Amino acid sequence: MQEKDMVNDVLSMINSSLTGYASAIAQTANQQLRQLLQQTRDGDEQFQYKLFQVAEQKGYYQPAQLANPQEIQQIRSYFTQNK
């Protein structure tokens, strides 16, 4: 297996885990467990971002085009109005 494939596989697994953490956190009543899950999620998010940066630098991952200021404002307005 090539490095590119391994990096993309790990990114995919971490992204899946982050979704799982969000679900578990939302359904956990025990505050200590909830805090542990949040800390674990936070660590995985940091690792995911570092690995993403490596993948991007090596050309393994092509991110979506950056949003322009108007698009950002539209999204910001949507979420502000729908709170």
C-alpha atoms as a PDB file:
ATOM      1  CA  MET A   1       0.000   0.000   0.000  1.00  0.00           C
ATOM      2  CA  GLN A   2       1.362   3.417  -0.923  1.00  0.00           C
ATOM      3  CA  GLU A   3       1.785   6.233   1.570  1.00  0.00           C
ATOM      4  CA  LYS A   4      -0.950   8.289  -0.118  1.00  0.00           C
ATOM      5  CA  ASP A   5      -3.455   5.454   0.327  1.00  0.00           C
ATOM      6  CA  MET A   6      -2.495   4.970   3.962  1.00  0.00           C
ATOM      7  CA  VAL A   7      -2.847   8.674   4.741  1.00  0.00           C
ATOM      8  CA  ASN A   8      -6.236   8.847   3.040  1.00  0.00           C
ATOM      9  CA  ASP A   9      -7.409   5.711   4.864  1.00  0.00           C
ATOM     10  CA  VAL A  10      -6.397   7.163   8.240  1.00  0.00           C
ATOM     11  CA  LEU A  11      -8.111  10.467   7.438  1.00  0.00           C
ATOM     12  CA  SER A  12     -11.262   8.588   6.501  1.00  0.00           C
ATOM     13  CA  MET A  13     -11.177   6.517   9.704  1.00  0.00           C
ATOM     14  CA  ILE A  14     -10.631   9.580  11.888  1.00  0.00           C
ATOM     15  CA  ASN A  15     -13.492  11.430  10.208  1.00  0.00           C
ATOM     16  CA  SER A  16     -15.748   8.457  10.864  1.00  0.00           C
ATOM     17  CA  SER A  17     -14.620   8.338  14.497  1.00  0.00           C
ATOM     18  CA  LEU A  18     -15.368  12.041  14.935  1.00  0.00           C
ATOM     19  CA  THR A  19     -18.933  11.419  13.804  1.00  0.00           C
ATOM     20  CA  GLY A  20     -19.192   8.583  16.310  1.00  0.00           C
ATOM     21  CA  TYR A  21     -17.878  10.768  19.126  1.00  0.00           C
ATOM     22  CA  ALA A  22     -20.466  13.448  18.355  1.00  0.00           C
ATOM     23  CA  SER A  23     -23.256  10.888  18.596  1.00  0.00           C
ATOM     24  CA  ALA A  24     -21.925   9.346  21.809  1.00  0.00           C
ATOM     25  CA  ILE A  25     -21.380  12.743  23.452  1.00  0.00           C
ATOM     26  CA  ALA A  26     -24.902  13.847  22.614  1.00  0.00           C
ATOM     27  CA  GLN A  27     -26.340  10.705  24.204  1.00  0.00           C
ATOM     28  CA  THR A  28     -24.162  10.508  27.325  1.00  0.00           C
ATOM     29  CA  ALA A  29     -25.658  11.586  30.630  1.00  0.00           C
ATOM     30  CA  ASN A  30     -22.609  10.719  32.750  1.00  0.00           C
ATOM     31  CA  GLN A  31     -20.597  13.938  32.958  1.00  0.00           C
ATOM     32  CA  GLN A  32     -17.228  12.206  33.476  1.00  0.00           C
ATOM     33  CA  LEU A  33     -17.737   9.957  30.458  1.00  0.00           C
ATOM     34  CA  ARG A  34     -18.981  12.904  28.413  1.00  0.00           C
ATOM     35  CA  GLN A  35     -15.860  14.896  29.325  1.00  0.00           C
ATOM     36  CA  LEU A  36     -13.583  11.966  28.451  1.00  0.00           C
ATOM     37  CA  LEU A  37     -15.270  11.552  25.072  1.00  0.00           C
ATOM     38  CA  GLN A  38     -14.959  15.286  24.397  1.00  0.00           C
ATOM     39  CA  GLN A  39     -11.255  15.271  25.270  1.00  0.00           C
ATOM     40  CA  THR A  40     -10.670  12.235  23.061  1.00  0.00           C
ATOM     41  CA  ARG A  41     -12.604  13.870  20.212  1.00  0.00           C
ATOM     42  CA  ASP A  42     -10.599  17.083  20.612  1.00  0.00           C
ATOM     43  CA  GLY A  43      -7.326  15.153  20.412  1.00  0.00           C
ATOM     44  CA  ASP A  44      -8.478  13.289  17.331  1.00  0.00           C
ATOM     45  CA  GLU A  45      -9.540  16.557  15.692  1.00  0.00           C
ATOM     46  CA  GLN A  46      -6.079  18.000  16.300  1.00  0.00           C
ATOM     47  CA  PHE A  47      -4.418  14.866  14.885  1.00  0.00           C
ATOM     48  CA  GLN A  48      -6.789  14.875  11.897  1.00  0.00           C
ATOM     49  CA  TYR A  49      -5.909  18.477  11.096  1.00  0.00           C
ATOM     50  CA  LYS A  50      -2.157  17.832  11.316  1.00  0.00           C
ATOM     51  CA  LEU A  51      -2.480  14.788   9.063  1.00  0.00           C
ATOM     52  CA  PHE A  52      -4.679  16.781   6.685  1.00  0.00           C
ATOM     53  CA  GLN A  53      -1.949  19.439   6.461  1.00  0.00           C
ATOM     54  CA  VAL A  54       0.658  16.784   5.627  1.00  0.00           C
ATOM     55  CA  ALA A  55      -1.628  15.239   3.002  1.00  0.00           C
ATOM     56  CA  GLU A  56      -2.296  18.628   1.459  1.00  0.00           C
ATOM     57  CA  GLN A  57       1.420  19.538   1.374  1.00  0.00           C
ATOM     58  CA  LYS A  58       2.289  16.249  -0.325  1.00  0.00           C
ATOM     59  CA  GLY A  59      -0.514  16.635  -2.850  1.00  0.00           C
ATOM     60  CA  TYR A  60      -2.452  13.644  -1.479  1.00  0.00           C
ATOM     61  CA  TYR A  61      -5.536  15.705  -0.779  1.00  0.00           C
ATOM     62  CA  GLN A  62      -7.089  18.525  -2.760  1.00  0.00           C
ATOM     63  CA  PRO A  63      -9.421  20.575  -0.540  1.00  0.00           C
ATOM     64  CA  ALA A  64     -12.503  22.317  -1.857  1.00  0.00           C
ATOM     65  CA  GLN A  65     -12.089  25.792  -3.280  1.00  0.00           C
ATOM     66  CA  LEU A  66     -12.131  28.534  -0.632  1.00  0.00           C
ATOM     67  CA  ALA A  67     -15.438  30.330  -0.128  1.00  0.00           C
ATOM     68  CA  ASN A  68     -15.591  33.976  -1.073  1.00  0.00           C
ATOM     69  CA  PRO A  69     -16.645  36.623   1.500  1.00  0.00           C
ATOM     70  CA  GLN A  70     -20.212  36.765   0.139  1.00  0.00           C
ATOM     71  CA  GLU A  71     -20.669  33.004   0.532  1.00  0.00           C
ATOM     72  CA  ILE A  72     -19.293  33.151   4.067  1.00  0.00           C
ATOM     73  CA  GLN A  73     -21.694  35.952   4.968  1.00  0.00           C
ATOM     74  CA  GLN A  74     -24.648  33.997   3.554  1.00  0.00           C
ATOM     75  CA  ILE A  75     -23.791  30.981   5.699  1.00  0.00           C
ATOM     76  CA  ARG A  76     -23.179  33.166   8.751  1.00  0.00           C
ATOM     77  CA  SER A  77     -26.572  34.852   8.256  1.00  0.00           C
ATOM     78  CA  TYR A  78     -28.309  31.505   7.838  1.00  0.00           C
ATOM     79  CA  PHE A  79     -26.966  30.141  11.099  1.00  0.00           C
ATOM     80  CA  THR A  80     -27.522  33.406  12.975  1.00  0.00           C
ATOM     81  CA  GLN A  81     -31.168  33.548  11.882  1.00  0.00           C
ATOM     82  CA  ASN A  82     -31.870  29.865  12.527  1.00  0.00           C
ATOM     83  CA  LYS A  83     -30.599  29.559  16.082  1.00  0.00           C
END
